[in-house]
Amino acid sequence: MNRILWISMVLVALLAAGSLTAQESKGPKIIVKEMQYDFGKVVEGAEASHVFEIRNGGKEPLDIERIMPS
């Protein structure tokens, strides 16, 4: 009987811990509509540009400190 009670308590604790981690964090949350864009073939000397939509879905300010193009 003690073993069943102990296992039940462990399962309840794990379920409670899982629900706590599933809550939304209070910090910034970056939302990017598309992560990459392929220009295809671009003629040398031609101008090519694309706008990436980046939003902050969190509750704190989102600071973008570095962007690394590929």
PDB file of N, CA and C in Angstrom:
ATOM      1  N   MET A   1       0.815  -1.198   0.000  1.00  0.00           N
ATOM      2  CA  MET A   1       0.000   0.000   0.000  1.00  0.00           C
ATOM      3  C   MET A   1       0.855   1.255   0.000  1.00  0.00           C
ATOM      4  N   ASN A   2       1.942   1.251   0.771  1.00  0.00           N
ATOM      5  CA  ASN A   2       2.831   2.407   0.816  1.00  0.00           C
ATOM      6  C   ASN A   2       3.458   2.684  -0.543  1.00  0.00           C
ATOM      7  N   ARG A   3       3.755   1.635  -1.252  1.00  0.00           N
ATOM      8  CA  ARG A   3       4.374   1.795  -2.578  1.00  0.00           C
ATOM      9  C   ARG A   3       3.405   2.485  -3.554  1.00  0.00           C
ATOM     10  N   ILE A   4       2.153   2.109  -3.553  1.00  0.00           N
ATOM     11  CA  ILE A   4       1.150   2.715  -4.429  1.00  0.00           C
ATOM     12  C   ILE A   4       0.963   4.184  -4.063  1.00  0.00           C
ATOM     13  N   LEU A   5       0.920   4.476  -2.768  1.00  0.00           N
ATOM     14  CA  LEU A   5       0.784   5.857  -2.316  1.00  0.00           C
ATOM     15  C   LEU A   5       1.992   6.689  -2.758  1.00  0.00           C
ATOM     16  N   TRP A   6       3.191   6.124  -2.616  1.00  0.00           N
ATOM     17  CA  TRP A   6       4.421   6.832  -2.995  1.00  0.00           C
ATOM     18  C   TRP A   6       4.442   7.106  -4.506  1.00  0.00           C
ATOM     19  N   ILE A   7       4.097   6.114  -5.303  1.00  0.00           N
ATOM     20  CA  ILE A   7       4.066   6.279  -6.763  1.00  0.00           C
ATOM     21  C   ILE A   7       3.024   7.313  -7.152  1.00  0.00           C
ATOM     22  N   SER A   8       1.871   7.312  -6.511  1.00  0.00           N
ATOM     23  CA  SER A   8       0.827   8.301  -6.797  1.00  0.00           C
ATOM     24  C   SER A   8       1.307   9.708  -6.481  1.00  0.00           C
ATOM     25  N   MET A   9       1.998   9.873  -5.354  1.00  0.00           N
ATOM     26  CA  MET A   9       2.516  11.190  -4.978  1.00  0.00           C
ATOM     27  C   MET A   9       3.555  11.679  -5.977  1.00  0.00           C
ATOM     28  N   VAL A  10       4.409  10.791  -6.457  1.00  0.00           N
ATOM     29  CA  VAL A  10       5.425  11.159  -7.444  1.00  0.00           C
ATOM     30  C   VAL A  10       4.756  11.580  -8.747  1.00  0.00           C
ATOM     31  N   LEU A  11       3.747  10.850  -9.185  1.00  0.00           N
ATOM     32  CA  LEU A  11       3.042  11.197 -10.417  1.00  0.00           C
ATOM     33  C   LEU A  11       2.342  12.550 -10.299  1.00  0.00           C
ATOM     34  N   VAL A  12       1.711  12.819  -9.170  1.00  0.00           N
ATOM     35  CA  VAL A  12       1.047  14.104  -8.960  1.00  0.00           C
ATOM     36  C   VAL A  12       2.088  15.227  -8.978  1.00  0.00           C
ATOM     37  N   ALA A  13       3.241  15.010  -8.345  1.00  0.00           N
ATOM     38  CA  ALA A  13       4.297  16.023  -8.326  1.00  0.00           C
ATOM     39  C   ALA A  13       4.814  16.291  -9.737  1.00  0.00           C
ATOM     40  N   LEU A  14       4.995  15.256 -10.533  1.00  0.00           N
ATOM     41  CA  LEU A  14       5.475  15.431 -11.915  1.00  0.00           C
ATOM     42  C   LEU A  14       4.449  16.183 -12.762  1.00  0.00           C
ATOM     43  N   LEU A  15       3.187  15.863 -12.594  1.00  0.00           N
ATOM     44  CA  LEU A  15       2.150  16.565 -13.350  1.00  0.00           C
ATOM     45  C   LEU A  15       2.078  18.037 -12.945  1.00  0.00           C
ATOM     46  N   ALA A  16       2.222  18.317 -11.674  1.00  0.00           N
ATOM     47  CA  ALA A  16       2.202  19.706 -11.207  1.00  0.00           C
ATOM     48  C   ALA A  16       3.411  20.464 -11.749  1.00  0.00           C
ATOM     49  N   ALA A  17       4.571  19.834 -11.757  1.00  0.00           N
ATOM     50  CA  ALA A  17       5.772  20.489 -12.285  1.00  0.00           C
ATOM     51  C   ALA A  17       5.631  20.751 -13.777  1.00  0.00           C
ATOM     52  N   GLY A  18       5.027  19.848 -14.503  1.00  0.00           N
ATOM     53  CA  GLY A  18       4.818  20.028 -15.937  1.00  0.00           C
ATOM     54  C   GLY A  18       3.876  21.174 -16.237  1.00  0.00           C
ATOM     55  N   SER A  19       2.856  21.358 -15.422  1.00  0.00           N
ATOM     56  CA  SER A  19       1.926  22.455 -15.660  1.00  0.00           C
ATOM     57  C   SER A  19       2.562  23.797 -15.328  1.00  0.00           C
ATOM     58  N   LEU A  20       3.490  23.828 -14.392  1.00  0.00           N
ATOM     59  CA  LEU A  20       4.183  25.075 -14.069  1.00  0.00           C
ATOM     60  C   LEU A  20       5.105  25.506 -15.199  1.00  0.00           C
ATOM     61  N   THR A  21       5.779  24.561 -15.830  1.00  0.00           N
ATOM     62  CA  THR A  21       6.693  24.912 -16.917  1.00  0.00           C
ATOM     63  C   THR A  21       5.937  25.265 -18.187  1.00  0.00           C
ATOM     64  N   ALA A  22       4.675  24.849 -18.309  1.00  0.00           N
ATOM     65  CA  ALA A  22       3.890  25.148 -19.510  1.00  0.00           C
ATOM     66  C   ALA A  22       3.337  26.570 -19.489  1.00  0.00           C
ATOM     67  N   GLN A  23       3.417  27.260 -18.357  1.00  0.00           N
ATOM     68  CA  GLN A  23       2.910  28.622 -18.283  1.00  0.00           C
ATOM     69  C   GLN A  23       3.794  29.551 -19.096  1.00  0.00           C
ATOM     70  N   GLU A  24       3.197  30.625 -19.586  1.00  0.00           N
ATOM     71  CA  GLU A  24       3.917  31.598 -20.395  1.00  0.00           C
ATOM     72  C   GLU A  24       4.925  32.347 -19.536  1.00  0.00           C
ATOM     73  N   SER A  25       6.142  32.506 -20.065  1.00  0.00           N
ATOM     74  CA  SER A  25       7.160  33.239 -19.330  1.00  0.00           C
ATOM     75  C   SER A  25       6.871  34.730 -19.368  1.00  0.00           C
ATOM     76  N   LYS A  26       7.430  35.458 -18.418  1.00  0.00           N
ATOM     77  CA  LYS A  26       7.184  36.887 -18.326  1.00  0.00           C
ATOM     78  C   LYS A  26       8.151  37.698 -19.178  1.00  0.00           C
ATOM     79  N   GLY A  27       9.207  37.095 -19.681  1.00  0.00           N
ATOM     80  CA  GLY A  27      10.221  37.812 -20.443  1.00  0.00           C
ATOM     81  C   GLY A  27       9.802  38.051 -21.883  1.00  0.00           C
ATOM     82  N   PRO A  28      10.745  38.520 -22.717  1.00  0.00           N
ATOM     83  CA  PRO A  28      10.454  38.748 -24.130  1.00  0.00           C
ATOM     84  C   PRO A  28      10.260  37.425 -24.872  1.00  0.00           C
ATOM     85  N   LYS A  29       9.494  37.476 -25.955  1.00  0.00           N
ATOM     86  CA  LYS A  29       9.277  36.288 -26.785  1.00  0.00           C
ATOM     87  C   LYS A  29       9.317  36.738 -28.237  1.00  0.00           C
ATOM     88  N   ILE A  30      10.356  36.321 -28.948  1.00  0.00           N
ATOM     89  CA  ILE A  30      10.509  36.741 -30.346  1.00  0.00           C
ATOM     90  C   ILE A  30       9.587  35.911 -31.231  1.00  0.00           C
ATOM     91  N   ILE A  31       8.882  36.590 -32.118  1.00  0.00           N
ATOM     92  CA  ILE A  31       8.001  35.925 -33.086  1.00  0.00           C
ATOM     93  C   ILE A  31       8.450  36.375 -34.480  1.00  0.00           C
ATOM     94  N   VAL A  32       8.905  35.417 -35.272  1.00  0.00           N
ATOM     95  CA  VAL A  32       9.389  35.701 -36.622  1.00  0.00           C
ATOM     96  C   VAL A  32       8.500  34.951 -37.599  1.00  0.00           C
ATOM     97  N   LYS A  33       7.897  35.686 -38.527  1.00  0.00           N
ATOM     98  CA  LYS A  33       6.967  35.090 -39.481  1.00  0.00           C
ATOM     99  C   LYS A  33       7.675  34.071 -40.376  1.00  0.00           C
ATOM    100  N   GLU A  34       8.844  34.424 -40.878  1.00  0.00           N
ATOM    101  CA  GLU A  34       9.631  33.501 -41.709  1.00  0.00           C
ATOM    102  C   GLU A  34      11.092  33.627 -41.295  1.00  0.00           C
ATOM    103  N   MET A  35      11.767  32.483 -41.172  1.00  0.00           N
ATOM    104  CA  MET A  35      13.142  32.465 -40.686  1.00  0.00           C
ATOM    105  C   MET A  35      14.174  32.681 -41.795  1.00  0.00           C
ATOM    106  N   GLN A  36      13.799  32.416 -43.031  1.00  0.00           N
ATOM    107  CA  GLN A  36      14.738  32.591 -44.139  1.00  0.00           C
ATOM    108  C   GLN A  36      13.998  32.981 -45.403  1.00  0.00           C
ATOM    109  N   TYR A  37      14.737  33.536 -46.343  1.00  0.00           N
ATOM    110  CA  TYR A  37      14.159  33.933 -47.622  1.00  0.00           C
ATOM    111  C   TYR A  37      15.170  33.637 -48.706  1.00  0.00           C
ATOM    112  N   ASP A  38      14.738  32.994 -49.767  1.00  0.00           N
ATOM    113  CA  ASP A  38      15.626  32.650 -50.881  1.00  0.00           C
ATOM    114  C   ASP A  38      15.361  33.609 -52.038  1.00  0.00           C
ATOM    115  N   PHE A  39      16.369  34.399 -52.405  1.00  0.00           N
ATOM    116  CA  PHE A  39      16.234  35.334 -53.518  1.00  0.00           C
ATOM    117  C   PHE A  39      16.334  34.634 -54.863  1.00  0.00           C
ATOM    118  N   GLY A  40      16.748  33.390 -54.868  1.00  0.00           N
ATOM    119  CA  GLY A  40      16.959  32.698 -56.139  1.00  0.00           C
ATOM    120  C   GLY A  40      18.223  33.225 -56.794  1.00  0.00           C
ATOM    121  N   LYS A  41      18.237  33.303 -58.103  1.00  0.00           N
ATOM    122  CA  LYS A  41      19.397  33.836 -58.820  1.00  0.00           C
ATOM    123  C   LYS A  41      19.272  35.354 -58.914  1.00  0.00           C
ATOM    124  N   VAL A  42      20.321  36.045 -58.486  1.00  0.00           N
ATOM    125  CA  VAL A  42      20.350  37.501 -58.552  1.00  0.00           C
ATOM    126  C   VAL A  42      21.504  37.906 -59.463  1.00  0.00           C
ATOM    127  N   VAL A  43      21.213  38.732 -60.421  1.00  0.00           N
ATOM    128  CA  VAL A  43      22.232  39.207 -61.353  1.00  0.00           C
ATOM    129  C   VAL A  43      23.204  40.106 -60.605  1.00  0.00           C
ATOM    130  N   GLU A  44      24.493  39.922 -60.874  1.00  0.00           N
ATOM    131  CA  GLU A  44      25.514  40.722 -60.194  1.00  0.00           C
ATOM    132  C   GLU A  44      25.261  42.211 -60.434  1.00  0.00           C
ATOM    133  N   GLY A  45      25.297  42.985 -59.360  1.00  0.00           N
ATOM    134  CA  GLY A  45      25.073  44.421 -59.447  1.00  0.00           C
ATOM    135  C   GLY A  45      23.622  44.826 -59.225  1.00  0.00           C
ATOM    136  N   ALA A  46      22.706  43.855 -59.269  1.00  0.00           N
ATOM    137  CA  ALA A  46      21.286  44.156 -59.057  1.00  0.00           C
ATOM    138  C   ALA A  46      21.019  44.301 -57.557  1.00  0.00           C
ATOM    139  N   GLU A  47      20.047  45.123 -57.222  1.00  0.00           N
ATOM    140  CA  GLU A  47      19.668  45.312 -55.827  1.00  0.00           C
ATOM    141  C   GLU A  47      18.629  44.272 -55.443  1.00  0.00           C
ATOM    142  N   ALA A  48      18.790  43.707 -54.258  1.00  0.00           N
ATOM    143  CA  ALA A  48      17.820  42.742 -53.755  1.00  0.00           C
ATOM    144  C   ALA A  48      17.584  43.047 -52.280  1.00  0.00           C
ATOM    145  N   SER A  49      16.335  43.062 -51.888  1.00  0.00           N
ATOM    146  CA  SER A  49      16.033  43.306 -50.478  1.00  0.00           C
ATOM    147  C   SER A  49      14.799  42.519 -50.073  1.00  0.00           C
ATOM    148  N   HIS A  50      14.693  42.290 -48.777  1.00  0.00           N
ATOM    149  CA  HIS A  50      13.540  41.580 -48.219  1.00  0.00           C
ATOM    150  C   HIS A  50      13.334  42.079 -46.794  1.00  0.00           C
ATOM    151  N   VAL A  51      12.098  42.227 -46.379  1.00  0.00           N
ATOM    152  CA  VAL A  51      11.786  42.686 -45.032  1.00  0.00           C
ATOM    153  C   VAL A  51      11.310  41.492 -44.206  1.00  0.00           C
ATOM    154  N   PHE A  52      11.980  41.258 -43.080  1.00  0.00           N
ATOM    155  CA  PHE A  52      11.574  40.221 -42.147  1.00  0.00           C
ATOM    156  C   PHE A  52      10.735  40.857 -41.050  1.00  0.00           C
ATOM    157  N   GLU A  53       9.560  40.316 -40.796  1.00  0.00           N
ATOM    158  CA  GLU A  53       8.683  40.830 -39.751  1.00  0.00           C
ATOM    159  C   GLU A  53       9.037  40.148 -38.432  1.00  0.00           C
ATOM    160  N   ILE A  54       9.466  40.960 -37.467  1.00  0.00           N
ATOM    161  CA  ILE A  54       9.835  40.453 -36.147  1.00  0.00           C
ATOM    162  C   ILE A  54       8.972  41.176 -35.122  1.00  0.00           C
ATOM    163  N   ARG A  55       8.310  40.394 -34.260  1.00  0.00           N
ATOM    164  CA  ARG A  55       7.465  40.985 -33.222  1.00  0.00           C
ATOM    165  C   ARG A  55       7.874  40.444 -31.857  1.00  0.00           C
ATOM    166  N   ASN A  56       7.532  41.189 -30.838  1.00  0.00           N
ATOM    167  CA  ASN A  56       7.744  40.757 -29.473  1.00  0.00           C
ATOM    168  C   ASN A  56       6.399  40.318 -28.914  1.00  0.00           C
ATOM    169  N   GLY A  57       6.243  39.039 -28.665  1.00  0.00           N
ATOM    170  CA  GLY A  57       5.004  38.514 -28.116  1.00  0.00           C
ATOM    171  C   GLY A  57       5.056  38.363 -26.606  1.00  0.00           C
ATOM    172  N   GLY A  58       6.136  38.859 -25.968  1.00  0.00           N
ATOM    173  CA  GLY A  58       6.288  38.726 -24.526  1.00  0.00           C
ATOM    174  C   GLY A  58       5.876  39.971 -23.787  1.00  0.00           C
ATOM    175  N   LYS A  59       6.151  39.964 -22.503  1.00  0.00           N
ATOM    176  CA  LYS A  59       5.743  41.060 -21.635  1.00  0.00           C
ATOM    177  C   LYS A  59       6.901  41.998 -21.293  1.00  0.00           C
ATOM    178  N   GLU A  60       8.127  41.653 -21.657  1.00  0.00           N
ATOM    179  CA  GLU A  60       9.310  42.472 -21.390  1.00  0.00           C
ATOM    180  C   GLU A  60       9.860  42.971 -22.729  1.00  0.00           C
ATOM    181  N   PRO A  61      10.680  44.031 -22.706  1.00  0.00           N
ATOM    182  CA  PRO A  61      11.273  44.530 -23.953  1.00  0.00           C
ATOM    183  C   PRO A  61      12.169  43.473 -24.610  1.00  0.00           C
ATOM    184  N   LEU A  62      12.141  43.437 -25.928  1.00  0.00           N
ATOM    185  CA  LEU A  62      12.963  42.511 -26.703  1.00  0.00           C
ATOM    186  C   LEU A  62      14.130  43.292 -27.291  1.00  0.00           C
ATOM    187  N   ASP A  63      15.336  42.946 -26.905  1.00  0.00           N
ATOM    188  CA  ASP A  63      16.543  43.597 -27.420  1.00  0.00           C
ATOM    189  C   ASP A  63      17.233  42.655 -28.392  1.00  0.00           C
ATOM    190  N   ILE A  64      17.364  43.078 -29.637  1.00  0.00           N
ATOM    191  CA  ILE A  64      18.093  42.306 -30.647  1.00  0.00           C
ATOM    192  C   ILE A  64      19.499  42.853 -30.675  1.00  0.00           C
ATOM    193  N   GLU A  65      20.458  42.079 -30.217  1.00  0.00           N
ATOM    194  CA  GLU A  65      21.825  42.552 -30.074  1.00  0.00           C
ATOM    195  C   GLU A  65      22.724  42.181 -31.243  1.00  0.00           C
ATOM    196  N   ARG A  66      22.367  41.147 -31.990  1.00  0.00           N
ATOM    197  CA  ARG A  66      23.240  40.703 -33.063  1.00  0.00           C
ATOM    198  C   ARG A  66      22.423  39.987 -34.144  1.00  0.00           C
ATOM    199  N   ILE A  67      22.731  40.271 -35.396  1.00  0.00           N
ATOM    200  CA  ILE A  67      22.113  39.574 -36.528  1.00  0.00           C
ATOM    201  C   ILE A  67      23.242  39.014 -37.371  1.00  0.00           C
ATOM    202  N   MET A  68      23.137  37.740 -37.726  1.00  0.00           N
ATOM    203  CA  MET A  68      24.192  37.087 -38.506  1.00  0.00           C
ATOM    204  C   MET A  68      23.609  36.567 -39.814  1.00  0.00           C
ATOM    205  N   PRO A  69      23.833  37.285 -40.921  1.00  0.00           N
ATOM    206  CA  PRO A  69      23.332  36.785 -42.208  1.00  0.00           C
ATOM    207  C   PRO A  69      24.131  35.580 -42.670  1.00  0.00           C
ATOM    208  N   SER A  70      23.519  34.735 -43.455  1.00  0.00           N
ATOM    209  CA  SER A  70      24.231  33.556 -43.969  1.00  0.00           C
ATOM    210  C   SER A  70      24.646  33.788 -45.405  1.00  0.00           C
TER     211      SER A  70
END
